[in-house]
Amino acid sequence: MIKSAAARCNLSVAGFLARAALAAARDLDRTSAEIAGEREVITALFDSRRKLGWAGSNLNQAVKALNSGADAPQLEAAVAAVRRAADTAHEAATRLIEHHGS
């Protein structure tokens, strides 16, 4: 969802998230509670993106080990980390969309 929104804006995911954060900070008509809530969601999205990057790196290392005939004992943990980070990103994006819809 975030990737497709960033692509539609011709931005990287990081650029899209940065613009979203700046837009939230610049809107002076909203209450501080609204801004704080949105900032919390955007922070969660950035955190999820970072965790997905780490987990993706771990998955790549595990696949490389498997392809070379070695065991990859960290594979299950890496897949679990990807799932957790993806779930967090999805939940944060859903909250942001719901917040903008209300």
N, C-alpha and C. Protein backbone atom coordinates (compact mmCIF):
# COMPACT_ATOMS: atom_id res chain seq x y z
N MET A 1 0.82 -1.17 0.00
CA MET A 1 0.00 0.00 0.00
C MET A 1 0.87 1.26 0.00
N ILE A 2 1.87 1.31 0.87
CA ILE A 2 2.74 2.47 0.94
C ILE A 2 3.60 2.55 -0.31
N LYS A 3 4.11 1.38 -0.75
CA LYS A 3 4.92 1.36 -1.96
C LYS A 3 4.14 1.89 -3.15
N SER A 4 2.89 1.46 -3.29
CA SER A 4 2.11 1.91 -4.45
C SER A 4 1.80 3.39 -4.35
N ALA A 5 1.53 3.89 -3.15
CA ALA A 5 1.28 5.33 -2.98
C ALA A 5 2.54 6.12 -3.32
N ALA A 6 3.69 5.64 -2.87
CA ALA A 6 4.95 6.32 -3.18
C ALA A 6 5.21 6.31 -4.68
N ALA A 7 4.95 5.17 -5.32
CA ALA A 7 5.16 5.07 -6.77
C ALA A 7 4.25 6.03 -7.52
N ARG A 8 3.00 6.14 -7.08
CA ARG A 8 2.06 7.07 -7.74
C ARG A 8 2.53 8.51 -7.62
N CYS A 9 3.29 8.80 -6.58
CA CYS A 9 3.82 10.16 -6.38
C CYS A 9 5.23 10.31 -6.95
N ASN A 10 5.72 9.25 -7.60
CA ASN A 10 7.09 9.24 -8.14
C ASN A 10 8.13 9.52 -7.05
N LEU A 11 7.93 8.89 -5.89
CA LEU A 11 8.83 9.05 -4.76
C LEU A 11 9.29 7.69 -4.27
N SER A 12 10.45 7.68 -3.62
CA SER A 12 10.87 6.47 -2.92
C SER A 12 9.96 6.33 -1.70
N VAL A 13 9.97 5.14 -1.10
CA VAL A 13 9.16 4.95 0.11
C VAL A 13 9.62 5.91 1.20
N ALA A 14 10.94 6.05 1.37
CA ALA A 14 11.46 6.97 2.39
C ALA A 14 11.03 8.40 2.10
N GLY A 15 11.10 8.80 0.84
CA GLY A 15 10.69 10.15 0.47
C GLY A 15 9.21 10.38 0.72
N PHE A 16 8.41 9.38 0.39
CA PHE A 16 6.96 9.47 0.61
C PHE A 16 6.65 9.63 2.10
N LEU A 17 7.30 8.79 2.92
CA LEU A 17 7.07 8.87 4.37
C LEU A 17 7.55 10.20 4.93
N ALA A 18 8.68 10.70 4.42
CA ALA A 18 9.19 11.99 4.89
C ALA A 18 8.21 13.11 4.54
N ARG A 19 7.69 13.09 3.31
CA ARG A 19 6.72 14.12 2.92
C ARG A 19 5.45 14.03 3.75
N ALA A 20 5.02 12.82 4.05
CA ALA A 20 3.83 12.66 4.88
C ALA A 20 4.07 13.25 6.27
N ALA A 21 5.25 13.01 6.81
CA ALA A 21 5.58 13.54 8.14
C ALA A 21 5.63 15.07 8.11
N LEU A 22 6.24 15.63 7.08
CA LEU A 22 6.32 17.09 6.97
C LEU A 22 4.94 17.71 6.79
N ALA A 23 4.11 17.08 5.98
CA ALA A 23 2.75 17.59 5.77
C ALA A 23 1.97 17.60 7.08
N ALA A 24 2.14 16.56 7.87
CA ALA A 24 1.46 16.49 9.16
C ALA A 24 1.94 17.60 10.09
N ALA A 25 3.23 17.90 10.05
CA ALA A 25 3.79 18.92 10.94
C ALA A 25 3.39 20.33 10.52
N ARG A 26 3.13 20.54 9.23
CA ARG A 26 2.83 21.88 8.71
C ARG A 26 1.37 22.29 8.84
N ASP A 27 0.48 21.36 9.04
CA ASP A 27 -0.95 21.67 9.06
C ASP A 27 -1.33 22.28 10.41
N LEU A 28 -1.43 23.60 10.45
CA LEU A 28 -1.67 24.31 11.70
C LEU A 28 -3.13 24.32 12.12
N ASP A 29 -4.03 23.85 11.25
CA ASP A 29 -5.45 23.84 11.58
C ASP A 29 -5.86 22.63 12.40
N ARG A 30 -4.99 21.66 12.50
CA ARG A 30 -5.33 20.46 13.26
C ARG A 30 -4.92 20.63 14.71
N THR A 31 -5.55 19.90 15.57
CA THR A 31 -5.19 19.95 16.98
C THR A 31 -3.89 19.20 17.20
N SER A 32 -3.26 19.50 18.31
CA SER A 32 -2.01 18.80 18.63
C SER A 32 -2.26 17.32 18.83
N ALA A 33 -3.43 16.95 19.31
CA ALA A 33 -3.76 15.52 19.50
C ALA A 33 -3.83 14.81 18.15
N GLU A 34 -4.42 15.47 17.16
CA GLU A 34 -4.49 14.86 15.82
C GLU A 34 -3.09 14.68 15.25
N ILE A 35 -2.28 15.73 15.37
CA ILE A 35 -0.91 15.67 14.84
C ILE A 35 -0.11 14.60 15.57
N ALA A 36 -0.25 14.55 16.90
CA ALA A 36 0.49 13.55 17.68
C ALA A 36 0.08 12.15 17.28
N GLY A 37 -1.22 11.93 17.05
CA GLY A 37 -1.68 10.61 16.63
C GLY A 37 -1.13 10.22 15.28
N GLU A 38 -1.12 11.16 14.36
CA GLU A 38 -0.59 10.87 13.03
C GLU A 38 0.92 10.67 13.09
N ARG A 39 1.59 11.48 13.88
CA ARG A 39 3.05 11.34 14.02
C ARG A 39 3.39 9.96 14.56
N GLU A 40 2.58 9.48 15.50
CA GLU A 40 2.78 8.15 16.07
C GLU A 40 2.69 7.08 14.98
N VAL A 41 1.71 7.22 14.10
CA VAL A 41 1.52 6.26 13.01
C VAL A 41 2.68 6.34 12.04
N ILE A 42 3.10 7.54 11.69
CA ILE A 42 4.21 7.71 10.75
C ILE A 42 5.49 7.14 11.35
N THR A 43 5.71 7.36 12.64
CA THR A 43 6.87 6.78 13.31
C THR A 43 6.83 5.26 13.23
N ALA A 44 5.65 4.69 13.42
CA ALA A 44 5.51 3.23 13.31
C ALA A 44 5.81 2.75 11.90
N LEU A 45 5.41 3.53 10.90
CA LEU A 45 5.70 3.15 9.51
C LEU A 45 7.21 3.17 9.24
N PHE A 46 7.89 4.22 9.70
CA PHE A 46 9.35 4.28 9.53
C PHE A 46 10.03 3.12 10.25
N ASP A 47 9.57 2.82 11.47
CA ASP A 47 10.15 1.73 12.23
C ASP A 47 9.94 0.39 11.52
N SER A 48 8.75 0.21 10.98
CA SER A 48 8.45 -1.03 10.25
C SER A 48 9.32 -1.16 9.02
N ARG A 49 9.50 -0.06 8.31
CA ARG A 49 10.33 -0.09 7.10
C ARG A 49 11.76 -0.50 7.44
N ARG A 50 12.29 0.07 8.54
CA ARG A 50 13.65 -0.28 8.96
C ARG A 50 13.73 -1.76 9.33
N LYS A 51 12.75 -2.23 10.08
CA LYS A 51 12.75 -3.64 10.48
C LYS A 51 12.59 -4.57 9.29
N LEU A 52 11.79 -4.17 8.31
CA LEU A 52 11.65 -4.99 7.10
C LEU A 52 12.97 -5.05 6.35
N GLY A 53 13.71 -3.96 6.33
CA GLY A 53 15.03 -3.96 5.69
C GLY A 53 15.98 -4.92 6.36
N TRP A 54 16.01 -4.88 7.69
CA TRP A 54 16.87 -5.80 8.44
C TRP A 54 16.46 -7.25 8.19
N ALA A 55 15.17 -7.50 8.26
CA ALA A 55 14.68 -8.86 8.08
C ALA A 55 14.95 -9.34 6.66
N GLY A 56 14.77 -8.46 5.69
CA GLY A 56 15.06 -8.83 4.30
C GLY A 56 16.52 -9.20 4.12
N SER A 57 17.39 -8.47 4.77
CA SER A 57 18.82 -8.78 4.71
C SER A 57 19.09 -10.15 5.32
N ASN A 58 18.45 -10.44 6.45
CA ASN A 58 18.60 -11.76 7.08
C ASN A 58 18.07 -12.87 6.16
N LEU A 59 16.96 -12.62 5.50
CA LEU A 59 16.41 -13.61 4.57
C LEU A 59 17.37 -13.86 3.41
N ASN A 60 17.95 -12.79 2.88
CA ASN A 60 18.90 -12.95 1.79
C ASN A 60 20.09 -13.80 2.22
N GLN A 61 20.59 -13.57 3.43
CA GLN A 61 21.71 -14.36 3.94
C GLN A 61 21.31 -15.83 4.10
N ALA A 62 20.10 -16.08 4.57
CA ALA A 62 19.64 -17.45 4.74
C ALA A 62 19.50 -18.15 3.40
N VAL A 63 18.95 -17.47 2.42
CA VAL A 63 18.80 -18.07 1.08
C VAL A 63 20.16 -18.34 0.47
N LYS A 64 21.09 -17.42 0.65
CA LYS A 64 22.46 -17.63 0.14
C LYS A 64 23.06 -18.89 0.77
N ALA A 65 22.87 -19.04 2.08
CA ALA A 65 23.39 -20.23 2.77
C ALA A 65 22.73 -21.49 2.25
N LEU A 66 21.41 -21.46 2.06
CA LEU A 66 20.70 -22.63 1.54
C LEU A 66 21.17 -22.98 0.13
N ASN A 67 21.37 -21.97 -0.70
CA ASN A 67 21.82 -22.22 -2.07
C ASN A 67 23.22 -22.79 -2.14
N SER A 68 24.03 -22.54 -1.11
CA SER A 68 25.39 -23.09 -1.10
C SER A 68 25.44 -24.44 -0.39
N GLY A 69 24.27 -24.96 -0.01
CA GLY A 69 24.22 -26.28 0.61
C GLY A 69 24.31 -26.27 2.12
N ALA A 70 24.42 -25.11 2.71
CA ALA A 70 24.53 -25.02 4.17
C ALA A 70 23.14 -24.99 4.80
N ASP A 71 23.12 -25.19 6.10
CA ASP A 71 21.88 -25.04 6.84
C ASP A 71 21.63 -23.55 7.08
N ALA A 72 20.39 -23.20 7.28
CA ALA A 72 20.03 -21.81 7.59
C ALA A 72 19.15 -21.80 8.83
N PRO A 73 19.76 -22.01 10.00
CA PRO A 73 18.97 -22.10 11.22
C PRO A 73 18.23 -20.80 11.56
N GLN A 74 18.69 -19.69 11.04
CA GLN A 74 18.05 -18.41 11.33
C GLN A 74 16.88 -18.11 10.41
N LEU A 75 16.57 -19.00 9.47
CA LEU A 75 15.53 -18.74 8.49
C LEU A 75 14.16 -18.54 9.13
N GLU A 76 13.77 -19.39 10.04
CA GLU A 76 12.44 -19.25 10.66
C GLU A 76 12.32 -17.94 11.43
N ALA A 77 13.38 -17.56 12.12
CA ALA A 77 13.36 -16.30 12.87
C ALA A 77 13.27 -15.11 11.91
N ALA A 78 13.98 -15.19 10.79
CA ALA A 78 13.94 -14.10 9.81
C ALA A 78 12.56 -13.97 9.19
N VAL A 79 11.94 -15.09 8.85
CA VAL A 79 10.59 -15.06 8.27
C VAL A 79 9.60 -14.50 9.30
N ALA A 80 9.75 -14.89 10.55
CA ALA A 80 8.87 -14.37 11.60
C ALA A 80 9.05 -12.86 11.77
N ALA A 81 10.29 -12.39 11.68
CA ALA A 81 10.54 -10.95 11.79
C ALA A 81 9.91 -10.19 10.63
N VAL A 82 9.99 -10.76 9.44
CA VAL A 82 9.37 -10.12 8.27
C VAL A 82 7.86 -10.04 8.48
N ARG A 83 7.28 -11.12 8.94
CA ARG A 83 5.82 -11.12 9.17
C ARG A 83 5.42 -10.08 10.21
N ARG A 84 6.17 -10.00 11.31
CA ARG A 84 5.85 -9.02 12.35
C ARG A 84 5.97 -7.59 11.82
N ALA A 85 7.04 -7.31 11.11
CA ALA A 85 7.24 -5.96 10.58
C ALA A 85 6.19 -5.62 9.53
N ALA A 86 5.86 -6.58 8.68
CA ALA A 86 4.83 -6.34 7.66
C ALA A 86 3.48 -6.10 8.32
N ASP A 87 3.16 -6.85 9.36
CA ASP A 87 1.90 -6.65 10.09
C ASP A 87 1.86 -5.26 10.72
N THR A 88 2.98 -4.84 11.31
CA THR A 88 3.05 -3.52 11.93
C THR A 88 2.86 -2.43 10.88
N ALA A 89 3.51 -2.58 9.73
CA ALA A 89 3.38 -1.59 8.65
C ALA A 89 1.94 -1.53 8.16
N HIS A 90 1.33 -2.69 8.00
CA HIS A 90 -0.05 -2.74 7.53
C HIS A 90 -0.99 -2.07 8.54
N GLU A 91 -0.81 -2.37 9.81
CA GLU A 91 -1.66 -1.78 10.85
C GLU A 91 -1.49 -0.26 10.90
N ALA A 92 -0.25 0.21 10.80
CA ALA A 92 0.01 1.65 10.84
C ALA A 92 -0.59 2.34 9.63
N ALA A 93 -0.43 1.75 8.46
CA ALA A 93 -1.00 2.33 7.24
C ALA A 93 -2.53 2.36 7.33
N THR A 94 -3.12 1.31 7.85
CA THR A 94 -4.57 1.27 8.00
C THR A 94 -5.05 2.36 8.95
N ARG A 95 -4.34 2.55 10.07
CA ARG A 95 -4.71 3.61 11.02
C ARG A 95 -4.60 4.98 10.37
N LEU A 96 -3.55 5.19 9.58
CA LEU A 96 -3.37 6.47 8.91
C LEU A 96 -4.49 6.73 7.92
N ILE A 97 -4.85 5.71 7.16
CA ILE A 97 -5.94 5.85 6.18
C ILE A 97 -7.26 6.11 6.90
N GLU A 98 -7.53 5.37 7.97
CA GLU A 98 -8.77 5.57 8.73
C GLU A 98 -8.81 6.97 9.33
N HIS A 99 -7.66 7.44 9.80
CA HIS A 99 -7.59 8.78 10.40
C HIS A 99 -7.91 9.85 9.36
N HIS A 100 -7.40 9.69 8.16
CA HIS A 100 -7.65 10.67 7.10
C HIS A 100 -9.08 10.58 6.59
N GLY A 101 -9.69 9.41 6.72
CA GLY A 101 -11.06 9.24 6.26
C GLY A 101 -12.09 9.81 7.22
N SER A 102 -11.69 10.02 8.46
CA SER A 102 -12.66 10.51 9.45
C SER A 102 -12.68 12.01 9.55
